[in-house]
Protein backbone atom coordinates (compact mmCIF):
# COMPACT_ATOMS: atom_id res chain seq x y z
CA MET A 1 0.00 0.00 0.00
CA THR A 2 1.17 3.52 -0.81
CA PRO A 3 -0.79 6.03 1.30
CA ARG A 4 -2.12 9.09 -0.46
CA GLY A 5 -0.77 12.54 0.38
CA VAL A 6 2.50 11.57 2.15
CA ALA A 7 4.91 13.18 -0.31
CA GLY A 8 5.84 16.84 0.02
CA LEU A 9 5.00 17.29 3.69
CA PRO A 10 5.61 20.81 5.06
CA ARG A 11 8.19 21.55 7.73
CA LEU A 12 7.35 20.63 11.33
CA THR A 13 8.92 21.41 14.71
CA VAL A 14 7.48 19.85 17.88
CA ASP A 15 8.29 21.32 21.30
CA GLY A 16 11.38 22.98 19.84
CA GLU A 17 12.70 19.83 18.10
CA HIS A 18 12.73 19.82 14.30
CA VAL A 19 11.14 16.72 12.75
CA PRO A 20 13.09 15.77 9.60
CA PRO A 21 10.73 15.47 6.59
CA ARG A 22 11.88 11.93 5.80
CA HIS A 23 11.23 10.84 9.38
CA LEU A 24 7.79 12.45 9.36
CA ALA A 25 6.96 10.74 6.06
CA ARG A 26 8.06 7.35 7.46
CA LEU A 27 5.88 7.82 10.56
CA VAL A 28 2.88 8.75 8.43
CA THR A 29 3.36 5.82 6.05
CA ARG A 30 3.85 3.33 8.89
CA THR A 31 0.83 4.65 10.81
CA ALA A 32 -1.40 4.68 7.72
CA ARG A 33 -0.52 1.05 7.01
CA ALA A 34 -1.21 0.10 10.62
CA LEU A 35 -4.59 1.84 10.47
CA THR A 36 -5.51 0.00 7.29
CA THR A 37 -4.44 -3.33 8.80
CA ALA A 38 -6.61 -2.57 11.83
CA GLY A 39 -9.62 -2.08 9.57
CA ALA A 40 -9.75 1.72 9.43
CA GLY A 41 -10.88 3.18 6.13
CA PRO A 42 -13.89 4.93 4.57
CA GLY A 43 -16.64 4.92 7.20
CA ARG A 44 -14.46 3.08 9.75
CA ALA A 45 -12.71 5.57 11.98
CA ALA A 46 -9.35 6.03 13.65
CA ALA A 47 -9.43 7.77 17.04
CA LEU A 48 -6.75 10.20 18.17
CA ALA A 49 -6.44 9.10 21.79
CA CYS A 50 -3.74 11.46 23.10
CA ASP A 51 -2.65 15.09 22.98
CA HIS A 52 1.01 14.69 22.00
CA PRO A 53 1.46 17.10 19.06
CA LEU A 54 3.68 14.77 16.99
CA THR A 55 1.21 11.91 17.30
CA ALA A 56 -1.66 14.30 16.57
CA VAL A 57 -0.04 15.55 13.36
CA VAL A 58 0.92 12.06 12.20
CA SER A 59 -2.56 10.70 13.01
CA ALA A 60 -4.28 13.38 10.96
CA LEU A 61 -2.03 12.78 7.96
CA ALA A 62 -2.18 8.99 8.28
CA ALA A 63 -5.97 8.89 8.60
CA GLU A 64 -6.25 11.05 5.49
CA ALA A 65 -3.87 8.75 3.64
CA ALA A 66 -5.88 5.69 4.70
CA GLY A 67 -9.18 7.37 3.81
CA ALA A 68 -10.40 6.93 7.40
CA PRO A 69 -12.43 9.42 9.45
CA LEU A 70 -10.39 10.83 12.33
CA LEU A 71 -12.16 11.06 15.68
CA LEU A 72 -10.81 13.99 17.69
CA ASP A 73 -11.19 14.52 21.44
CA GLY A 74 -12.25 10.91 21.73
CA ALA A 75 -10.37 10.00 24.92
CA ALA A 76 -13.16 10.75 27.41
CA PRO A 77 -15.16 7.51 27.92
CA SER A 78 -18.46 9.40 27.99
CA ARG A 79 -17.74 10.74 24.52
CA ARG A 80 -16.15 7.74 22.87
CA ILE A 81 -17.35 6.55 19.47
CA ALA A 82 -16.38 2.97 18.61
CA ALA A 83 -13.45 3.18 16.20
CA ALA A 84 -11.56 0.54 14.23
CA ALA A 85 -8.27 1.76 15.73
CA ALA A 86 -6.94 4.24 18.26
CA VAL A 87 -3.63 6.08 18.02
CA HIS A 88 -1.62 6.63 21.21
CA ALA A 89 1.82 8.16 21.78
CA THR A 90 4.85 6.23 22.95
CA SER A 91 7.21 7.72 25.54
CA THR A 92 9.07 9.42 22.67
CA GLY A 93 5.87 10.91 21.27
CA GLU A 94 5.72 8.64 18.23
CA PRO A 95 2.37 7.05 17.33
CA VAL A 96 1.35 3.48 18.05
CA VAL A 97 -1.89 1.96 16.78
CA GLU A 98 -4.25 -0.05 18.98
CA VAL A 99 -6.86 -2.26 17.28
CA ARG A 100 -10.41 -1.98 18.58
CA PRO A 101 -13.22 -4.45 17.91
CA ARG A 102 -16.70 -3.71 16.55
CA PRO A 103 -16.20 -0.21 15.10
CA LEU A 104 -19.23 1.95 14.43
CA ALA A 105 -20.12 2.48 10.76
CA LEU A 106 -19.98 6.19 9.90
CA PRO A 107 -21.14 8.01 6.75
CA GLU A 108 -18.39 7.27 4.22
CA ASP A 109 -17.69 10.89 3.30
CA THR A 110 -16.90 11.73 6.95
CA ALA A 111 -13.29 12.91 7.25
CA ALA A 112 -13.26 14.10 10.87
CA VAL A 113 -15.46 14.10 13.95
CA PHE A 114 -15.05 16.99 16.38
CA TRP A 115 -16.80 17.44 19.71
CA THR A 116 -18.45 20.71 20.61
CA SER A 117 -17.09 22.27 23.78
CA GLY A 118 -20.11 21.54 25.95
CA SER A 119 -19.70 24.94 27.61
CA SER A 120 -23.46 25.59 27.62
CA GLY A 121 -24.88 22.07 27.22
CA ASP A 122 -24.05 18.47 26.41
CA PRO A 123 -21.13 18.02 23.96
CA LYS A 124 -22.17 16.86 20.48
CA ALA A 125 -20.23 14.90 17.88
CA VAL A 126 -19.82 16.92 14.67
CA ALA A 127 -19.34 14.93 11.45
CA VAL A 128 -17.33 16.93 8.90
CA PRO A 129 -16.76 15.85 5.26
CA ALA A 130 -13.38 16.02 3.54
CA ALA A 131 -14.53 18.80 1.21
CA ALA A 132 -15.36 21.02 4.20
CA LEU A 133 -11.89 20.51 5.73
CA ALA A 134 -10.20 21.25 2.41
CA HIS A 135 -12.20 24.43 1.97
CA GLN A 136 -11.40 25.50 5.52
CA GLY A 137 -7.66 25.20 4.93
CA ARG A 138 -7.73 27.07 1.63
CA ALA A 139 -10.09 29.86 2.67
CA THR A 140 -8.34 30.53 5.99
CA ALA A 141 -4.86 30.56 4.45
CA THR A 142 -6.05 32.92 1.72
CA ARG A 143 -7.77 35.33 4.11
CA MET A 144 -4.78 35.49 6.48
CA GLY A 145 -2.25 35.65 3.62
CA ILE A 146 -0.32 32.61 4.87
CA THR A 147 2.33 31.20 2.52
CA ALA A 148 5.24 28.77 2.66
CA ALA A 149 7.37 31.61 4.05
CA ASP A 150 5.35 31.77 7.29
CA ARG A 151 6.22 30.17 10.61
CA LEU A 152 3.14 29.23 12.63
CA LEU A 153 3.38 28.82 16.40
CA LEU A 154 0.55 26.70 17.82
CA PRO A 155 0.49 26.13 21.61
CA LEU A 156 -3.02 24.62 21.41
CA PRO A 157 -4.35 21.03 21.37
CA LEU A 158 -4.76 19.57 17.89
CA ARG A 159 -7.74 17.51 19.05
CA HIS A 160 -10.02 20.54 19.01
CA ALA A 161 -11.46 22.26 15.96
CA TYR A 162 -9.36 25.44 16.36
CA GLY A 163 -6.02 23.65 16.58
CA HIS A 164 -6.99 21.26 13.80
CA SER A 165 -7.89 24.18 11.52
CA VAL A 166 -4.32 25.50 11.88
CA LEU A 167 -3.10 22.05 10.89
CA ARG A 168 -5.18 22.32 7.70
CA VAL A 169 -3.70 25.75 6.98
CA TRP A 170 -0.20 24.31 7.47
CA ARG A 171 -0.92 21.51 5.01
CA THR A 172 -2.49 23.87 2.47
CA SER A 173 0.11 26.64 2.60
CA GLY A 174 3.35 24.72 3.12
CA ALA A 175 4.25 26.95 6.07
CA HIS A 176 6.53 25.78 8.89
CA LEU A 177 4.45 24.60 11.86
CA TYR A 178 5.79 24.88 15.42
CA ALA A 179 3.45 22.65 17.45
CA GLU A 180 3.67 22.83 21.24
CA SER A 181 2.40 20.45 23.92
CA GLY A 182 0.84 23.40 25.72
CA PHE A 183 1.08 27.11 26.39
CA HIS A 184 3.91 28.28 28.63
CA LEU A 185 4.54 32.00 28.77
CA ARG A 186 8.35 31.91 28.77
CA THR A 187 8.55 29.16 26.16
CA THR A 188 6.25 31.08 23.84
CA LEU A 189 8.27 34.27 24.16
CA THR A 190 11.48 32.32 23.59
CA ARG A 191 10.08 30.82 20.39
CA LEU A 192 9.15 34.31 19.18
CA ALA A 193 12.63 35.60 19.94
CA VAL A 194 14.60 32.71 18.42
CA GLU A 195 12.56 31.07 15.65
CA GLY A 196 11.38 33.98 13.52
CA ILE A 197 7.72 33.16 14.15
CA THR A 198 5.30 35.16 11.98
CA SER A 199 1.95 33.84 13.26
CA LEU A 200 0.76 32.93 16.76
CA ASP A 201 -2.59 31.30 17.53
CA GLY A 202 -4.13 31.20 20.99
CA VAL A 203 -7.18 31.62 23.19
CA PRO A 204 -8.17 34.75 25.16
CA THR A 205 -6.79 33.39 28.45
CA MET A 206 -3.37 33.05 26.82
CA TYR A 207 -3.45 36.55 25.36
CA ARG A 208 -4.50 37.97 28.72
CA MET A 209 -1.27 36.60 30.18
CA LEU A 210 0.77 37.88 27.23
CA ALA A 211 -0.79 41.34 27.51
CA ALA A 212 0.10 41.51 31.20
CA GLU A 213 3.68 40.46 30.45
CA ALA A 214 3.96 42.98 27.61
CA ALA A 215 2.75 45.73 29.94
CA ARG A 216 5.60 44.84 32.33
CA ASP A 217 8.34 44.16 29.80
CA ALA A 218 9.07 46.22 26.68
CA GLY A 219 11.04 43.38 25.08
CA SER A 220 8.04 41.06 25.24
CA ALA A 221 5.85 43.80 23.79
CA ARG A 222 8.22 44.19 20.83
CA LEU A 223 8.22 40.44 20.16
CA LEU A 224 4.41 40.33 20.08
CA ALA A 225 4.17 43.45 17.94
CA ALA A 226 6.62 41.98 15.41
CA LEU A 227 4.25 39.12 14.59
CA ARG A 228 2.28 39.50 11.37
CA ILE A 229 -0.66 37.49 12.74
CA ARG A 230 -1.88 37.28 16.34
CA GLY A 231 -4.82 34.91 15.95
CA CYS A 232 -7.27 34.72 18.84
CA GLY A 233 -10.10 32.17 18.92
CA GLY A 234 -11.74 29.45 20.94
CA ASP A 235 -13.78 31.91 23.02
CA VAL A 236 -15.03 35.48 22.98
CA LEU A 237 -12.40 38.21 22.64
CA THR A 238 -13.78 40.94 24.88
CA PRO A 239 -13.30 44.65 24.07
CA THR A 240 -11.30 45.08 27.29
CA LEU A 241 -8.78 42.38 26.37
CA TYR A 242 -8.50 43.74 22.83
CA ASP A 243 -7.81 47.23 24.17
CA ASP A 244 -5.40 46.01 26.86
CA PHE A 245 -3.34 44.01 24.35
CA LEU A 246 -3.29 46.91 21.89
CA ALA A 247 -2.21 49.33 24.64
CA ALA A 248 0.58 47.00 25.82
CA THR A 249 1.99 46.09 22.40
CA GLY A 250 0.77 48.68 19.93
CA ALA A 251 -0.54 45.82 17.78
CA PRO A 252 -4.04 44.36 17.37
CA LEU A 253 -5.32 40.85 17.92
CA HIS A 254 -6.88 39.09 14.95
CA ASP A 255 -10.04 37.47 16.21
CA GLY A 256 -12.83 35.83 14.30
CA TYR A 257 -15.97 33.81 14.55
CA GLY A 258 -16.37 30.10 14.16
CA LEU A 259 -17.96 26.96 15.45
CA SER A 260 -17.13 23.29 15.09
CA GLU A 261 -20.26 22.81 12.98
CA ALA A 262 -19.06 25.26 10.32
CA GLY A 263 -15.42 24.77 9.61
CA PRO A 264 -14.67 26.08 12.30
CA ASN A 265 -13.75 29.47 10.81
CA VAL A 266 -16.65 31.51 9.45
CA ALA A 267 -15.29 35.07 9.58
CA LEU A 268 -11.84 36.47 10.37
CA ASN A 269 -10.15 39.76 11.08
CA ALA A 270 -6.91 39.64 9.08
CA PRO A 271 -3.80 41.79 8.78
CA GLY A 272 -4.77 44.83 6.73
CA ASP A 273 -8.41 43.70 6.71
CA LEU A 274 -9.62 44.36 10.23
CA ARG A 275 -12.58 46.14 11.83
CA PRO A 276 -12.49 46.36 15.64
CA GLY A 277 -15.87 45.65 17.15
CA THR A 278 -16.62 42.98 14.55
CA VAL A 279 -15.46 39.36 14.35
CA GLY A 280 -14.20 39.97 10.85
CA ARG A 281 -15.27 39.49 7.26
CA LEU A 282 -16.89 36.26 6.07
CA LEU A 283 -14.49 33.80 4.46
CA ASP A 284 -14.70 33.42 0.70
CA GLY A 285 -17.61 31.16 -0.18
CA VAL A 286 -19.39 31.65 3.15
CA ARG A 287 -22.75 33.41 3.42
CA ALA A 288 -24.53 34.61 6.56
CA ARG A 289 -28.01 35.88 7.28
CA VAL A 290 -29.76 37.04 10.44
CA THR A 291 -33.29 35.81 11.07
CA GLY A 292 -36.15 35.96 13.55
CA PRO A 293 -36.90 38.19 16.52
CA ARG A 294 -33.76 36.99 18.32
CA ARG A 295 -31.57 37.96 15.33
CA GLU A 296 -30.01 34.51 15.06
CA ILE A 297 -27.05 34.08 12.72
CA GLU A 298 -27.47 31.39 10.06
CA ILE A 299 -24.60 30.18 7.88
CA ALA A 300 -24.33 28.59 4.43
CA GLY A 301 -21.21 27.53 2.56
CA PRO A 302 -18.85 24.67 1.71
CA GLY A 303 -17.42 24.32 5.24
CA LEU A 304 -20.52 23.01 7.00
CA MET A 305 -20.81 19.73 8.86
CA ARG A 306 -22.97 16.87 7.61
CA GLY A 307 -24.79 16.82 10.94
CA TYR A 308 -24.50 15.69 14.55
CA LEU A 309 -23.42 12.07 14.86
CA ASP A 310 -25.24 9.68 17.19
CA PRO A 311 -22.41 7.95 19.13
CA ALA A 312 -24.50 4.80 19.50
CA THR A 313 -25.79 4.28 15.96
CA GLY A 314 -23.75 6.50 13.63
CA ALA A 315 -26.94 8.17 12.39
CA LEU A 316 -26.82 11.85 11.44
CA ASP A 317 -29.02 14.47 13.09
CA ARG A 318 -29.75 17.38 10.74
CA GLY A 319 -31.80 19.21 13.37
CA PRO A 320 -29.67 22.40 13.40
CA PHE A 321 -30.30 22.99 9.67
CA THR A 322 -33.18 24.98 8.22
CA ALA A 323 -35.41 23.55 5.50
CA ASP A 324 -33.34 25.37 2.85
CA GLY A 325 -30.03 24.05 4.19
CA TRP A 326 -28.68 26.92 6.32
CA LEU A 327 -27.05 26.16 9.67
CA ARG A 328 -28.66 27.76 12.73
CA THR A 329 -25.69 28.83 14.89
CA GLY A 330 -27.47 29.66 18.15
CA ASP A 331 -25.66 33.03 18.17
CA THR A 332 -27.16 36.49 17.83
CA GLY A 333 -25.61 39.16 15.66
CA THR A 334 -25.62 41.35 12.57
CA VAL A 335 -24.00 41.13 9.14
CA THR A 336 -23.35 43.97 6.71
CA ALA A 337 -23.97 43.84 2.98
CA ASP A 338 -20.23 43.50 2.37
CA GLY A 339 -19.84 40.57 4.77
CA TRP A 340 -18.63 42.02 8.09
CA LEU A 341 -20.05 40.04 11.00
CA THR A 342 -20.80 41.16 14.55
CA VAL A 343 -21.78 38.63 17.23
CA GLY A 344 -23.86 39.54 20.27
CA GLY A 345 -23.60 36.24 22.13
CA ARG A 346 -25.09 32.79 22.55
CA ILE A 347 -28.87 32.82 22.59
CA LYS A 348 -28.75 30.29 25.46
CA GLU A 349 -26.44 32.56 27.46
CA ILE A 350 -28.15 35.92 26.98
CA LEU A 351 -29.65 36.99 30.31
CA VAL A 352 -32.99 38.75 30.71
CA VAL A 353 -33.25 40.93 33.81
CA HIS A 354 -36.50 42.86 34.40
CA GLY A 355 -37.20 42.71 30.68
CA GLU A 356 -33.73 43.98 29.69
CA THR A 357 -31.24 41.75 27.86
CA VAL A 358 -27.73 41.45 29.29
CA ALA A 359 -24.75 39.88 27.53
CA PRO A 360 -22.58 37.93 30.01
CA THR A 361 -19.41 39.21 28.33
CA VAL A 362 -20.25 42.81 29.24
CA VAL A 363 -20.58 41.92 32.93
CA GLU A 364 -17.44 39.77 32.78
CA ASP A 365 -15.41 42.66 31.36
CA ALA A 366 -16.58 44.89 34.20
CA ALA A 367 -15.69 42.26 36.82
CA ARG A 368 -12.21 41.77 35.34
CA ALA A 369 -11.50 45.46 35.87
CA ALA A 370 -11.39 44.92 39.64
CA ASP A 371 -7.97 44.61 41.28
CA GLY A 372 -6.89 41.04 41.95
CA VAL A 373 -9.26 39.44 39.42
CA VAL A 374 -7.60 37.11 36.90
CA ASP A 375 -10.75 36.10 35.04
CA ALA A 376 -14.53 36.18 35.37
CA ALA A 377 -17.53 34.18 34.16
CA VAL A 378 -21.19 35.15 34.47
CA VAL A 379 -24.35 33.02 34.43
CA GLY A 380 -28.00 33.66 35.14
CA ILE A 381 -30.36 31.79 37.46
CA ARG A 382 -34.00 32.12 36.45
CA HIS A 383 -36.47 33.23 39.13
CA GLY A 384 -39.93 32.74 37.68
CA ASP A 385 -41.33 35.80 35.94
CA ARG A 386 -38.66 38.05 37.48
CA GLY A 387 -36.10 36.93 34.91
CA ASP A 388 -32.48 36.05 35.60
CA ALA A 389 -30.45 36.75 38.71
CA VAL A 390 -26.92 37.60 37.56
CA TRP A 391 -24.18 35.56 39.23
CA ALA A 392 -20.52 36.49 38.76
CA PHE A 393 -17.78 33.96 39.46
CA VAL A 394 -14.32 35.49 39.58
CA GLU A 395 -10.92 33.82 39.64
CA SER A 396 -8.43 35.36 42.06
CA PRO A 397 -5.31 34.25 43.95
CA ASP A 398 -6.26 36.63 46.79
CA ASN A 399 -7.40 34.68 49.86
CA ASP A 400 -9.45 37.63 51.13
CA HIS A 401 -12.54 36.68 49.14
CA ALA A 402 -14.73 39.28 50.78
CA ALA A 403 -12.38 42.08 49.74
CA VAL A 404 -12.20 40.79 46.15
CA ALA A 405 -15.98 40.48 45.95
CA GLY A 406 -16.32 44.03 47.24
CA ARG A 407 -13.95 45.35 44.59
CA VAL A 408 -15.87 43.45 41.89
CA ALA A 409 -19.16 44.92 43.09
CA GLU A 410 -17.68 48.42 43.04
CA ALA A 411 -16.22 47.94 39.53
CA CYS A 412 -19.62 46.77 38.29
CA ARG A 413 -21.38 49.73 39.92
CA ARG A 414 -19.08 52.10 38.04
CA ARG A 415 -19.42 50.40 34.66
CA LEU A 416 -22.87 48.82 34.43
CA PRO A 417 -26.50 49.94 34.65
CA PRO A 418 -28.34 48.70 37.75
CA HIS A 419 -30.15 45.79 36.06
CA ALA A 420 -26.87 44.30 34.73
CA ARG A 421 -24.97 44.31 38.01
CA PRO A 422 -24.33 40.91 39.64
CA ARG A 423 -26.67 40.00 42.46
CA ALA A 424 -24.04 37.60 43.77
CA VAL A 425 -20.24 37.47 43.45
CA ARG A 426 -18.36 34.29 44.26
CA VAL A 427 -14.55 34.20 44.36
CA VAL A 428 -12.79 30.94 43.41
CA PRO A 429 -9.11 30.03 42.99
CA ALA A 430 -9.76 28.70 39.47
CA LEU A 431 -12.78 28.88 37.17
CA PRO A 432 -13.97 25.55 35.74
CA ARG A 433 -13.24 25.12 32.06
CA THR A 434 -14.12 22.68 29.32
CA SER A 435 -11.44 20.65 27.55
CA SER A 436 -11.19 23.37 24.89
CA GLY A 437 -10.56 26.10 27.48
CA LYS A 438 -13.97 27.78 27.52
CA HIS A 439 -15.78 28.67 30.72
CA ASP A 440 -17.83 25.68 31.84
CA ARG A 441 -21.10 27.50 32.30
CA VAL A 442 -23.00 24.27 32.93
CA ARG A 443 -20.97 23.65 36.08
CA LEU A 444 -21.19 27.30 37.11
CA ARG A 445 -24.99 27.20 36.88
CA VAL A 446 -24.98 24.12 39.11
CA TRP A 447 -22.81 25.95 41.65
CA ALA A 448 -25.12 28.97 41.58
CA SER A 449 -28.26 26.84 41.81
CA ASP A 450 -26.84 24.85 44.73
CA ALA A 451 -25.90 28.05 46.56
CA THR A 452 -29.36 29.49 45.90
CA ALA A 453 -31.03 26.36 47.25
CA VAL A 454 -28.91 26.43 50.41
CA ALA A 455 -29.68 30.10 50.97
CA ALA A 456 -33.40 29.43 50.58
């Protein structure tokens, strides 16, 4: 067997160690053959069962070569879909294939299965066809102007849709990918200083740390400003973080809008093509419309999923699609005639207080302005016809929780109208997060509900 797509692999560096192209090609060929021997192929999946970046890259390339769907984020038992084979990492980070019996039959055009974050509900398996992944790589690389001359630093897991989309851009553009096992502030700054990195991708939490470091250290600020692309995704980029990063470095963040069900990238702010206050311009080939009284964003284009996959039967659920084939995103927003998109928030997460709508991100930004607050997350607890009670959970290393809560309340009084101010502030050493790094609002609602019940 000669796997498809092994020749001409782009340059790869993992945790600072260059992976010679011949060695990478051998790993891909060997893994693809092992997957085929295990029974993986069209409709019979291979599961990426670890987070090691070398194994993740090899698994993606090998599954493509074998024609097998790749299951991502499949390690959690509650989420597992029966696959023909699972790929683990050895102690050296190289892949090893484990055969699994009785794989689930998937739609044959499925190329990858992502899991939604589960930040506001149960995670769902998203079945994505090969054509959607190919379009995502091409359209994103084109919008961001990425070529073989670029060096992409990725300190994010490749098992999530965001990280995997960068992998597609790498494959499409021929750029040099620097994949990291995780984000470490000093390591990231060292890579920027030594490796000639041109593009950095990360989540808001990461950029909050980088902005704070840049505000303290002019050298770090210069390194971040020298990047051509500072991609920020995976969660909402708040106006405060955007402004803080810009003030510390003199350079903007390039955020966007996406969801696992649609690519993930739908719209992007790019170098030289950026409008603060929006999530960017729609990618080529993507259309958006806003419908209904809630102003829900709906998406059409070549990057859409086939549907949600039933982990037990392999059947596809097309419930999120309209009768004419548009994807209902569950997000509110606006779109201009020339394709610039603005997102208001998740419909499920929008709070209604005394008849007034409140976006959690606005309250979170106000809470973060208080001294000693590292991060904040806001949820609402419904109280009959009175609407939502706003609960703010703030992350702080300060052990004087009462003092922190008082500062948060004061910051919110200065910045928010009365109906949007939190009715309760709880200080925690660390906010709960999903596996993709988003605030776990499901768990926060449980905490708030439990506390409400005890108080009653």
